PDB file of N, CA and C in Angstrom:
ATOM      1  N   MET A   1     143.689 -12.252 -52.684  1.00  0.00           N
ATOM      2  CA  MET A   1     144.571 -11.684 -53.674  1.00  0.00           C
ATOM      3  C   MET A   1     144.333 -10.178 -53.713  1.00  0.00           C
ATOM      4  N   SER A   2     145.388  -9.406 -53.463  1.00  0.00           N
ATOM      5  CA  SER A   2     145.234  -7.950 -53.449  1.00  0.00           C
ATOM      6  C   SER A   2     145.397  -7.388 -54.850  1.00  0.00           C
ATOM      7  N   GLN A   3     144.701  -6.324 -55.095  1.00  0.00           N
ATOM      8  CA  GLN A   3     144.762  -5.686 -56.397  1.00  0.00           C
ATOM      9  C   GLN A   3     145.602  -4.423 -56.268  1.00  0.00           C
ATOM     10  N   GLU A   4     146.594  -4.289 -57.126  1.00  0.00           N
ATOM     11  CA  GLU A   4     147.473  -3.117 -57.060  1.00  0.00           C
ATOM     12  C   GLU A   4     146.732  -1.882 -57.570  1.00  0.00           C
ATOM     13  N   ILE A   5     146.882  -0.809 -56.832  1.00  0.00           N
ATOM     14  CA  ILE A   5     146.264   0.447 -57.241  1.00  0.00           C
ATOM     15  C   ILE A   5     147.193   1.107 -58.258  1.00  0.00           C
ATOM     16  N   THR A   6     146.669   1.402 -59.426  1.00  0.00           N
ATOM     17  CA  THR A   6     147.478   1.997 -60.481  1.00  0.00           C
ATOM     18  C   THR A   6     147.681   3.487 -60.214  1.00  0.00           C
ATOM     19  N   LEU A   7     148.645   4.058 -60.903  1.00  0.00           N
ATOM     20  CA  LEU A   7     148.892   5.494 -60.785  1.00  0.00           C
ATOM     21  C   LEU A   7     147.651   6.273 -61.204  1.00  0.00           C
ATOM     22  N   LYS A   8     146.995   5.830 -62.262  1.00  0.00           N
ATOM     23  CA  LYS A   8     145.788   6.533 -62.715  1.00  0.00           C
ATOM     24  C   LYS A   8     144.701   6.477 -61.640  1.00  0.00           C
ATOM     25  N   ASP A   9     144.563   5.329 -60.965  1.00  0.00           N
ATOM     26  CA  ASP A   9     143.592   5.217 -59.871  1.00  0.00           C
ATOM     27  C   ASP A   9     143.930   6.191 -58.747  1.00  0.00           C
ATOM     28  N   ARG A  10     145.211   6.305 -58.425  1.00  0.00           N
ATOM     29  CA  ARG A  10     145.639   7.231 -57.374  1.00  0.00           C
ATOM     30  C   ARG A  10     145.336   8.673 -57.769  1.00  0.00           C
ATOM     31  N   ILE A  11     145.539   8.990 -59.049  1.00  0.00           N
ATOM     32  CA  ILE A  11     145.243  10.343 -59.544  1.00  0.00           C
ATOM     33  C   ILE A  11     143.741  10.620 -59.424  1.00  0.00           C
ATOM     34  N   ILE A  12     142.931   9.677 -59.868  1.00  0.00           N
ATOM     35  CA  ILE A  12     141.472   9.850 -59.801  1.00  0.00           C
ATOM     36  C   ILE A  12     141.017   9.969 -58.349  1.00  0.00           C
ATOM     37  N   ASN A  13     141.578   9.157 -57.466  1.00  0.00           N
ATOM     38  CA  ASN A  13     141.213   9.250 -56.046  1.00  0.00           C
ATOM     39  C   ASN A  13     141.564  10.618 -55.476  1.00  0.00           C
ATOM     40  N   ALA A  14     142.697  11.174 -55.895  1.00  0.00           N
ATOM     41  CA  ALA A  14     143.076  12.520 -55.444  1.00  0.00           C
ATOM     42  C   ALA A  14     142.088  13.557 -55.975  1.00  0.00           C
ATOM     43  N   ILE A  15     141.738  13.441 -57.250  1.00  0.00           N
ATOM     44  CA  ILE A  15     140.783  14.378 -57.859  1.00  0.00           C
ATOM     45  C   ILE A  15     139.441  14.326 -57.121  1.00  0.00           C
ATOM     46  N   LYS A  16     139.061  13.145 -56.663  1.00  0.00           N
ATOM     47  CA  LYS A  16     137.781  12.986 -55.963  1.00  0.00           C
ATOM     48  C   LYS A  16     137.748  13.683 -54.604  1.00  0.00           C
ATOM     49  N   THR A  17     138.873  14.249 -54.171  1.00  0.00           N
ATOM     50  CA  THR A  17     138.877  15.011 -52.913  1.00  0.00           C
ATOM     51  C   THR A  17     138.558  16.484 -53.156  1.00  0.00           C
ATOM     52  N   VAL A  18     138.422  16.872 -54.427  1.00  0.00           N
ATOM     53  CA  VAL A  18     138.119  18.267 -54.786  1.00  0.00           C
ATOM     54  C   VAL A  18     136.615  18.392 -55.027  1.00  0.00           C
ATOM     55  N   TYR A  19     135.988  19.250 -54.243  1.00  0.00           N
ATOM     56  CA  TYR A  19     134.533  19.446 -54.337  1.00  0.00           C
ATOM     57  C   TYR A  19     134.216  20.830 -54.879  1.00  0.00           C
ATOM     58  N   ASP A  20     133.181  20.890 -55.688  1.00  0.00           N
ATOM     59  CA  ASP A  20     132.642  22.174 -56.110  1.00  0.00           C
ATOM     60  C   ASP A  20     132.071  22.829 -54.853  1.00  0.00           C
ATOM     61  N   PRO A  21     132.475  24.069 -54.527  1.00  0.00           N
ATOM     62  CA  PRO A  21     132.006  24.683 -53.281  1.00  0.00           C
ATOM     63  C   PRO A  21     130.499  24.915 -53.228  1.00  0.00           C
ATOM     64  N   GLU A  22     129.835  24.913 -54.370  1.00  0.00           N
ATOM     65  CA  GLU A  22     128.390  25.158 -54.389  1.00  0.00           C
ATOM     66  C   GLU A  22     127.569  23.878 -54.450  1.00  0.00           C
ATOM     67  N   ILE A  23     128.234  22.748 -54.720  1.00  0.00           N
ATOM     68  CA  ILE A  23     127.530  21.478 -54.885  1.00  0.00           C
ATOM     69  C   ILE A  23     128.262  20.435 -54.035  1.00  0.00           C
ATOM     70  N   PRO A  24     127.567  19.674 -53.230  1.00  0.00           N
ATOM     71  CA  PRO A  24     128.238  18.726 -52.329  1.00  0.00           C
ATOM     72  C   PRO A  24     128.687  17.427 -53.017  1.00  0.00           C
ATOM     73  N   VAL A  25     129.262  17.540 -54.197  1.00  0.00           N
ATOM     74  CA  VAL A  25     129.724  16.385 -54.961  1.00  0.00           C
ATOM     75  C   VAL A  25     131.101  16.726 -55.515  1.00  0.00           C
ATOM     76  N   ASP A  26     131.991  15.725 -55.570  1.00  0.00           N
ATOM     77  CA  ASP A  26     133.329  15.998 -56.079  1.00  0.00           C
ATOM     78  C   ASP A  26     133.331  16.210 -57.591  1.00  0.00           C
ATOM     79  N   VAL A  27     134.373  16.866 -58.089  1.00  0.00           N
ATOM     80  CA  VAL A  27     134.428  17.261 -59.496  1.00  0.00           C
ATOM     81  C   VAL A  27     134.490  16.064 -60.440  1.00  0.00           C
ATOM     82  N   TYR A  28     135.037  14.949 -59.976  1.00  0.00           N
ATOM     83  CA  TYR A  28     135.098  13.747 -60.829  1.00  0.00           C
ATOM     84  C   TYR A  28     133.696  13.174 -61.027  1.00  0.00           C
ATOM     85  N   GLU A  29     132.965  13.001 -59.939  1.00  0.00           N
ATOM     86  CA  GLU A  29     131.605  12.446 -60.028  1.00  0.00           C
ATOM     87  C   GLU A  29     130.653  13.415 -60.733  1.00  0.00           C
ATOM     88  N   LEU A  30     130.941  14.711 -60.651  1.00  0.00           N
ATOM     89  CA  LEU A  30     130.121  15.691 -61.379  1.00  0.00           C
ATOM     90  C   LEU A  30     130.303  15.575 -62.884  1.00  0.00           C
ATOM     91  N   GLY A  31     131.371  14.915 -63.312  1.00  0.00           N
ATOM     92  CA  GLY A  31     131.630  14.764 -64.739  1.00  0.00           C
ATOM     93  C   GLY A  31     132.464  15.896 -65.310  1.00  0.00           C
ATOM     94  N   LEU A  32     133.140  16.651 -64.443  1.00  0.00           N
ATOM     95  CA  LEU A  32     133.941  17.782 -64.915  1.00  0.00           C
ATOM     96  C   LEU A  32     135.313  17.358 -65.445  1.00  0.00           C
ATOM     97  N   ILE A  33     135.731  16.136 -65.164  1.00  0.00           N
ATOM     98  CA  ILE A  33     137.022  15.647 -65.641  1.00  0.00           C
ATOM     99  C   ILE A  33     136.784  14.839 -66.907  1.00  0.00           C
ATOM    100  N   TYR A  34     137.306  15.326 -68.026  1.00  0.00           N
ATOM    101  CA  TYR A  34     137.123  14.643 -69.306  1.00  0.00           C
ATOM    102  C   TYR A  34     138.213  13.611 -69.565  1.00  0.00           C
ATOM    103  N   GLU A  35     139.454  13.932 -69.217  1.00  0.00           N
ATOM    104  CA  GLU A  35     140.567  13.021 -69.482  1.00  0.00           C
ATOM    105  C   GLU A  35     141.620  13.146 -68.392  1.00  0.00           C
ATOM    106  N   VAL A  36     142.262  12.022 -68.099  1.00  0.00           N
ATOM    107  CA  VAL A  36     143.447  11.986 -67.242  1.00  0.00           C
ATOM    108  C   VAL A  36     144.487  11.214 -68.038  1.00  0.00           C
ATOM    109  N   ASN A  37     145.537  11.897 -68.458  1.00  0.00           N
ATOM    110  CA  ASN A  37     146.576  11.271 -69.267  1.00  0.00           C
ATOM    111  C   ASN A  37     147.910  11.314 -68.542  1.00  0.00           C
ATOM    112  N   ILE A  38     148.520  10.150 -68.418  1.00  0.00           N
ATOM    113  CA  ILE A  38     149.860  10.039 -67.845  1.00  0.00           C
ATOM    114  C   ILE A  38     150.817   9.993 -69.025  1.00  0.00           C
ATOM    115  N   ILE A  39     151.791  10.893 -69.012  1.00  0.00           N
ATOM    116  CA  ILE A  39     152.642  11.081 -70.180  1.00  0.00           C
ATOM    117  C   ILE A  39     153.944  10.288 -70.044  1.00  0.00           C
ATOM    118  N   PRO A  40     154.181   9.344 -70.981  1.00  0.00           N
ATOM    119  CA  PRO A  40     155.441   8.596 -70.974  1.00  0.00           C
ATOM    120  C   PRO A  40     156.590   9.487 -71.448  1.00  0.00           C
ATOM    121  N   PRO A  41     157.822   9.150 -71.325  1.00  0.00           N
ATOM    122  CA  PRO A  41     158.316   7.819 -70.967  1.00  0.00           C
ATOM    123  C   PRO A  41     158.457   7.612 -69.460  1.00  0.00           C
ATOM    124  N   LEU A  42     158.556   8.673 -68.676  1.00  0.00           N
ATOM    125  CA  LEU A  42     158.789   8.507 -67.243  1.00  0.00           C
ATOM    126  C   LEU A  42     157.509   8.364 -66.432  1.00  0.00           C
ATOM    127  N   ASN A  43     156.376   8.674 -67.040  1.00  0.00           N
ATOM    128  CA  ASN A  43     155.074   8.595 -66.364  1.00  0.00           C
ATOM    129  C   ASN A  43     155.008   9.458 -65.113  1.00  0.00           C
ATOM    130  N   ASP A  44     155.761  10.569 -65.118  1.00  0.00           N
ATOM    131  CA  ASP A  44     155.740  11.466 -63.955  1.00  0.00           C
ATOM    132  C   ASP A  44     155.042  12.781 -64.271  1.00  0.00           C
ATOM    133  N   LYS A  45     154.532  12.895 -65.499  1.00  0.00           N
ATOM    134  CA  LYS A  45     153.787  14.088 -65.917  1.00  0.00           C
ATOM    135  C   LYS A  45     152.345  13.687 -66.180  1.00  0.00           C
ATOM    136  N   VAL A  46     151.431  14.566 -65.796  1.00  0.00           N
ATOM    137  CA  VAL A  46     150.011  14.275 -65.952  1.00  0.00           C
ATOM    138  C   VAL A  46     149.341  15.456 -66.636  1.00  0.00           C
ATOM    139  N   HIS A  47     148.510  15.142 -67.622  1.00  0.00           N
ATOM    140  CA  HIS A  47     147.685  16.151 -68.285  1.00  0.00           C
ATOM    141  C   HIS A  47     146.235  15.821 -67.971  1.00  0.00           C
ATOM    142  N   ILE A  48     145.521  16.806 -67.434  1.00  0.00           N
ATOM    143  CA  ILE A  48     144.112  16.627 -67.080  1.00  0.00           C
ATOM    144  C   ILE A  48     143.294  17.612 -67.901  1.00  0.00           C
ATOM    145  N   LEU A  49     142.329  17.079 -68.620  1.00  0.00           N
ATOM    146  CA  LEU A  49     141.411  17.909 -69.393  1.00  0.00           C
ATOM    147  C   LEU A  49     140.101  17.956 -68.620  1.00  0.00           C
ATOM    148  N   MET A  50     139.699  19.158 -68.268  1.00  0.00           N
ATOM    149  CA  MET A  50     138.469  19.297 -67.487  1.00  0.00           C
ATOM    150  C   MET A  50     137.632  20.459 -67.991  1.00  0.00           C
ATOM    151  N   THR A  51     136.426  20.501 -67.516  1.00  0.00           N
ATOM    152  CA  THR A  51     135.519  21.587 -67.841  1.00  0.00           C
ATOM    153  C   THR A  51     134.964  22.157 -66.540  1.00  0.00           C
ATOM    154  N   LEU A  52     134.136  23.137 -66.680  1.00  0.00           N
ATOM    155  CA  LEU A  52     133.419  23.722 -65.546  1.00  0.00           C
ATOM    156  C   LEU A  52     131.937  23.658 -65.877  1.00  0.00           C
ATOM    157  N   THR A  53     131.112  23.837 -64.866  1.00  0.00           N
ATOM    158  CA  THR A  53     129.672  23.734 -65.125  1.00  0.00           C
ATOM    159  C   THR A  53     129.190  24.806 -66.096  1.00  0.00           C
ATOM    160  N   SER A  54     129.903  25.953 -66.133  1.00  0.00           N
ATOM    161  CA  SER A  54     129.617  26.992 -67.123  1.00  0.00           C
ATOM    162  C   SER A  54     130.840  27.898 -67.234  1.00  0.00           C
ATOM    163  N   PRO A  55     130.995  28.594 -68.378  1.00  0.00           N
ATOM    164  CA  PRO A  55     132.132  29.515 -68.509  1.00  0.00           C
ATOM    165  C   PRO A  55     132.138  30.612 -67.438  1.00  0.00           C
ATOM    166  N   ALA A  56     130.971  30.939 -66.902  1.00  0.00           N
ATOM    167  CA  ALA A  56     130.878  31.976 -65.878  1.00  0.00           C
ATOM    168  C   ALA A  56     130.895  31.393 -64.471  1.00  0.00           C
ATOM    169  N   CYS A  57     131.311  30.137 -64.352  1.00  0.00           N
ATOM    170  CA  CYS A  57     131.352  29.457 -63.051  1.00  0.00           C
ATOM    171  C   CYS A  57     132.165  30.275 -62.053  1.00  0.00           C
ATOM    172  N   PRO A  58     131.594  30.575 -60.872  1.00  0.00           N
ATOM    173  CA  PRO A  58     132.329  31.364 -59.880  1.00  0.00           C
ATOM    174  C   PRO A  58     133.589  30.663 -59.378  1.00  0.00           C
ATOM    175  N   SER A  59     133.677  29.365 -59.559  1.00  0.00           N
ATOM    176  CA  SER A  59     134.839  28.601 -59.102  1.00  0.00           C
ATOM    177  C   SER A  59     135.853  28.380 -60.226  1.00  0.00           C
ATOM    178  N   ALA A  60     135.734  29.143 -61.320  1.00  0.00           N
ATOM    179  CA  ALA A  60     136.570  28.928 -62.503  1.00  0.00           C
ATOM    180  C   ALA A  60     138.063  28.937 -62.210  1.00  0.00           C
ATOM    181  N   GLU A  61     138.503  29.797 -61.321  1.00  0.00           N
ATOM    182  CA  GLU A  61     139.921  29.852 -61.015  1.00  0.00           C
ATOM    183  C   GLU A  61     140.294  28.870 -59.908  1.00  0.00           C
ATOM    184  N   GLN A  62     139.405  28.615 -59.006  1.00  0.00           N
ATOM    185  CA  GLN A  62     139.689  27.787 -57.834  1.00  0.00           C
ATOM    186  C   GLN A  62     139.785  26.292 -58.160  1.00  0.00           C
ATOM    187  N   LEU A  63     138.811  25.738 -58.861  1.00  0.00           N
ATOM    188  CA  LEU A  63     138.757  24.289 -59.069  1.00  0.00           C
ATOM    189  C   LEU A  63     139.954  23.734 -59.837  1.00  0.00           C
ATOM    190  N   PRO A  64     140.339  24.307 -60.985  1.00  0.00           N
ATOM    191  CA  PRO A  64     141.510  23.760 -61.689  1.00  0.00           C
ATOM    192  C   PRO A  64     142.778  23.811 -60.833  1.00  0.00           C
ATOM    193  N   GLY A  65     142.943  24.864 -60.067  1.00  0.00           N
ATOM    194  CA  GLY A  65     144.102  24.989 -59.190  1.00  0.00           C
ATOM    195  C   GLY A  65     144.103  23.926 -58.103  1.00  0.00           C
ATOM    196  N   GLU A  66     142.931  23.627 -57.551  1.00  0.00           N
ATOM    197  CA  GLU A  66     142.827  22.587 -56.521  1.00  0.00           C
ATOM    198  C   GLU A  66     143.139  21.214 -57.109  1.00  0.00           C
ATOM    199  N   VAL A  67     142.642  20.950 -58.316  1.00  0.00           N
ATOM    200  CA  VAL A  67     142.923  19.675 -58.977  1.00  0.00           C
ATOM    201  C   VAL A  67     144.431  19.540 -59.204  1.00  0.00           C
ATOM    202  N   LYS A  68     145.051  20.595 -59.710  1.00  0.00           N
ATOM    203  CA  LYS A  68     146.497  20.577 -59.953  1.00  0.00           C
ATOM    204  C   LYS A  68     147.267  20.338 -58.651  1.00  0.00           C
ATOM    205  N   LEU A  69     146.843  20.980 -57.586  1.00  0.00           N
ATOM    206  CA  LEU A  69     147.521  20.855 -56.298  1.00  0.00           C
ATOM    207  C   LEU A  69     147.444  19.432 -55.747  1.00  0.00           C
ATOM    208  N   VAL A  70     146.255  18.847 -55.707  1.00  0.00           N
ATOM    209  CA  VAL A  70     146.118  17.517 -55.100  1.00  0.00           C
ATOM    210  C   VAL A  70     146.825  16.442 -55.915  1.00  0.00           C
ATOM    211  N   VAL A  71     146.784  16.560 -57.232  1.00  0.00           N
ATOM    212  CA  VAL A  71     147.478  15.576 -58.074  1.00  0.00           C
ATOM    213  C   VAL A  71     148.989  15.776 -57.966  1.00  0.00           C
ATOM    214  N   GLY A  72     149.430  17.022 -57.917  1.00  0.00           N
ATOM    215  CA  GLY A  72     150.852  17.323 -57.802  1.00  0.00           C
ATOM    216  C   GLY A  72     151.470  16.847 -56.499  1.00  0.00           C
ATOM    217  N   GLN A  73     150.655  16.635 -55.478  1.00  0.00           N
ATOM    218  CA  GLN A  73     151.153  16.164 -54.191  1.00  0.00           C
ATOM    219  C   GLN A  73     151.375  14.650 -54.161  1.00  0.00           C
ATOM    220  N   LEU A  74     150.926  13.945 -55.192  1.00  0.00           N
ATOM    221  CA  LEU A  74     151.094  12.498 -55.227  1.00  0.00           C
ATOM    222  C   LEU A  74     152.556  12.122 -55.447  1.00  0.00           C
ATOM    223  N   GLU A  75     152.954  11.057 -54.791  1.00  0.00           N
ATOM    224  CA  GLU A  75     154.294  10.521 -54.995  1.00  0.00           C
ATOM    225  C   GLU A  75     154.422  10.096 -56.459  1.00  0.00           C
ATOM    226  N   ASP A  76     155.571  10.287 -57.037  1.00  0.00           N
ATOM    227  CA  ASP A  76     155.895   9.917 -58.421  1.00  0.00           C
ATOM    228  C   ASP A  76     155.403  10.918 -59.461  1.00  0.00           C
ATOM    229  N   ILE A  77     154.698  11.968 -59.065  1.00  0.00           N
ATOM    230  CA  ILE A  77     154.223  12.970 -60.025  1.00  0.00           C
ATOM    231  C   ILE A  77     155.099  14.209 -59.897  1.00  0.00           C
ATOM    232  N   ASN A  78     155.687  14.626 -61.018  1.00  0.00           N
ATOM    233  CA  ASN A  78     156.565  15.800 -61.002  1.00  0.00           C
ATOM    234  C   ASN A  78     155.941  17.017 -61.680  1.00  0.00           C
ATOM    235  N   GLU A  79     154.980  16.797 -62.560  1.00  0.00           N
ATOM    236  CA  GLU A  79     154.388  17.919 -63.286  1.00  0.00           C
ATOM    237  C   GLU A  79     152.928  17.626 -63.589  1.00  0.00           C
ATOM    238  N   VAL A  80     152.090  18.629 -63.376  1.00  0.00           N
ATOM    239  CA  VAL A  80     150.653  18.485 -63.642  1.00  0.00           C
ATOM    240  C   VAL A  80     150.206  19.672 -64.480  1.00  0.00           C
ATOM    241  N   GLU A  81     149.546  19.372 -65.572  1.00  0.00           N
ATOM    242  CA  GLU A  81     148.945  20.409 -66.410  1.00  0.00           C
ATOM    243  C   GLU A  81     147.442  20.189 -66.411  1.00  0.00           C
ATOM    244  N   VAL A  82     146.701  21.234 -66.061  1.00  0.00           N
ATOM    245  CA  VAL A  82     145.247  21.176 -66.085  1.00  0.00           C
ATOM    246  C   VAL A  82     144.780  22.105 -67.188  1.00  0.00           C
ATOM    247  N   GLU A  83     144.101  21.535 -68.165  1.00  0.00           N
ATOM    248  CA  GLU A  83     143.586  22.310 -69.294  1.00  0.00           C
ATOM    249  C   GLU A  83     142.067  22.388 -69.186  1.00  0.00           C
ATOM    250  N   ILE A  84     141.544  23.586 -69.359  1.00  0.00           N
ATOM    251  CA  ILE A  84     140.090  23.809 -69.311  1.00  0.00           C
ATOM    252  C   ILE A  84     139.551  23.834 -70.735  1.00  0.00           C
ATOM    253  N   THR A  85     138.444  23.150 -70.940  1.00  0.00           N
ATOM    254  CA  THR A  85     137.770  23.168 -72.230  1.00  0.00           C
ATOM    255  C   THR A  85     136.266  23.294 -72.001  1.00  0.00           C
ATOM    256  N   PHE A  86     135.587  23.815 -72.982  1.00  0.00           N
ATOM    257  CA  PHE A  86     134.125  23.868 -72.942  1.00  0.00           C
ATOM    258  C   PHE A  86     133.546  23.119 -74.137  1.00  0.00           C
ATOM    259  N   ASP A  87     134.346  22.205 -74.681  1.00  0.00           N
ATOM    260  CA  ASP A  87     133.943  21.399 -75.827  1.00  0.00           C
ATOM    261  C   ASP A  87     134.190  19.931 -75.503  1.00  0.00           C
ATOM    262  N   PRO A  88     133.190  19.135 -75.269  1.00  0.00           N
ATOM    263  CA  PRO A  88     131.773  19.476 -75.358  1.00  0.00           C
ATOM    264  C   PRO A  88     131.319  20.260 -74.130  1.00  0.00           C
ATOM    265  N   PRO A  89     130.279  21.060 -74.297  1.00  0.00           N
ATOM    266  CA  PRO A  89     129.750  21.812 -73.168  1.00  0.00           C
ATOM    267  C   PRO A  89     129.234  20.859 -72.081  1.00  0.00           C
ATOM    268  N   TYR A  90     129.374  21.289 -70.845  1.00  0.00           N
ATOM    269  CA  TYR A  90     128.927  20.477 -69.720  1.00  0.00           C
ATOM    270  C   TYR A  90     127.410  20.380 -69.685  1.00  0.00           C
ATOM    271  N   THR A  91     126.917  19.174 -69.401  1.00  0.00           N
ATOM    272  CA  THR A  91     125.487  18.963 -69.145  1.00  0.00           C
ATOM    273  C   THR A  91     125.351  18.055 -67.933  1.00  0.00           C
ATOM    274  N   GLN A  92     124.197  18.041 -67.333  1.00  0.00           N
ATOM    275  CA  GLN A  92     123.965  17.202 -66.154  1.00  0.00           C
ATOM    276  C   GLN A  92     124.066  15.715 -66.484  1.00  0.00           C
ATOM    277  N   GLU A  93     123.929  15.356 -67.747  1.00  0.00           N
ATOM    278  CA  GLU A  93     124.041  13.951 -68.146  1.00  0.00           C
ATOM    279  C   GLU A  93     125.462  13.418 -67.932  1.00  0.00           C
ATOM    280  N   MET A  94     126.443  14.312 -67.776  1.00  0.00           N
ATOM    281  CA  MET A  94     127.828  13.910 -67.571  1.00  0.00           C
ATOM    282  C   MET A  94     128.092  13.446 -66.143  1.00  0.00           C
ATOM    283  N   MET A  95     127.147  13.703 -65.242  1.00  0.00           N
ATOM    284  CA  MET A  95     127.296  13.277 -63.845  1.00  0.00           C
ATOM    285  C   MET A  95     127.219  11.762 -63.748  1.00  0.00           C
ATOM    286  N   SER A  96     127.944  11.222 -62.775  1.00  0.00           N
ATOM    287  CA  SER A  96     127.834   9.793 -62.493  1.00  0.00           C
ATOM    288  C   SER A  96     126.470   9.524 -61.855  1.00  0.00           C
ATOM    289  N   GLU A  97     126.077   8.265 -61.830  1.00  0.00           N
ATOM    290  CA  GLU A  97     124.828   7.884 -61.175  1.00  0.00           C
ATOM    291  C   GLU A  97     124.876   8.294 -59.695  1.00  0.00           C
ATOM    292  N   GLN A  98     126.045   8.133 -59.081  1.00  0.00           N
ATOM    293  CA  GLN A  98     126.216   8.493 -57.670  1.00  0.00           C
ATOM    294  C   GLN A  98     125.938   9.985 -57.456  1.00  0.00           C
ATOM    295  N   ALA A  99     126.473  10.834 -58.342  1.00  0.00           N
ATOM    296  CA  ALA A  99     126.259  12.279 -58.216  1.00  0.00           C
ATOM    297  C   ALA A  99     124.786  12.621 -58.422  1.00  0.00           C
ATOM    298  N   LYS A 100     124.156  11.993 -59.413  1.00  0.00           N
ATOM    299  CA  LYS A 100     122.737  12.257 -59.670  1.00  0.00           C
ATOM    300  C   LYS A 100     121.890  11.853 -58.469  1.00  0.00           C
ATOM    301  N   LEU A 101     122.231  10.730 -57.863  1.00  0.00           N
ATOM    302  CA  LEU A 101     121.509  10.278 -56.681  1.00  0.00           C
ATOM    303  C   LEU A 101     121.713  11.247 -55.528  1.00  0.00           C
ATOM    304  N   GLU A 102     122.967  11.658 -55.318  1.00  0.00           N
ATOM    305  CA  GLU A 102     123.316  12.589 -54.232  1.00  0.00           C
ATOM    306  C   GLU A 102     122.563  13.914 -54.369  1.00  0.00           C
ATOM    307  N   LEU A 103     122.387  14.375 -55.610  1.00  0.00           N
ATOM    308  CA  LEU A 103     121.737  15.658 -55.853  1.00  0.00           C
ATOM    309  C   LEU A 103     120.233  15.546 -56.086  1.00  0.00           C
ATOM    310  N   GLY A 104     119.698  14.320 -55.982  1.00  0.00           N
ATOM    311  CA  GLY A 104     118.260  14.146 -56.103  1.00  0.00           C
ATOM    312  C   GLY A 104     117.739  14.117 -57.530  1.00  0.00           C
ATOM    313  N   PHE A 105     118.614  13.807 -58.500  1.00  0.00           N
ATOM    314  CA  PHE A 105     118.164  13.744 -59.892  1.00  0.00           C
ATOM    315  C   PHE A 105     117.665  12.347 -60.267  1.00  0.00           C
ATOM    316  N   LEU A 106     117.798  11.379 -59.364  1.00  0.00           N
ATOM    317  CA  LEU A 106     117.303  10.019 -59.636  1.00  0.00           C
ATOM    318  C   LEU A 106     116.199   9.663 -58.663  1.00  0.00           C
TER     319      LEU A 106
END
């Protein structure tokens, strides 16, 4: 029995192709993505709430643009809004177990 991949899964998979240039882990596993919201009624608009490792992050302009680009390239998506927030502030505890393992924190 095959399991259908949802639009949200496709969005998350696209986001997982974006890597922080200074850390060999994708932005989703790093915990930089706080929310992925698909906006009804047409479900063709996406709002992504994300953070950066710090307000002075050298990738501050690059990462949100890359996230917007990869999600915007998905079929059925017509509009992508990426909002940056620093509330709550990023901490290493936001990383997935996979990211912590990859970076030697476990």
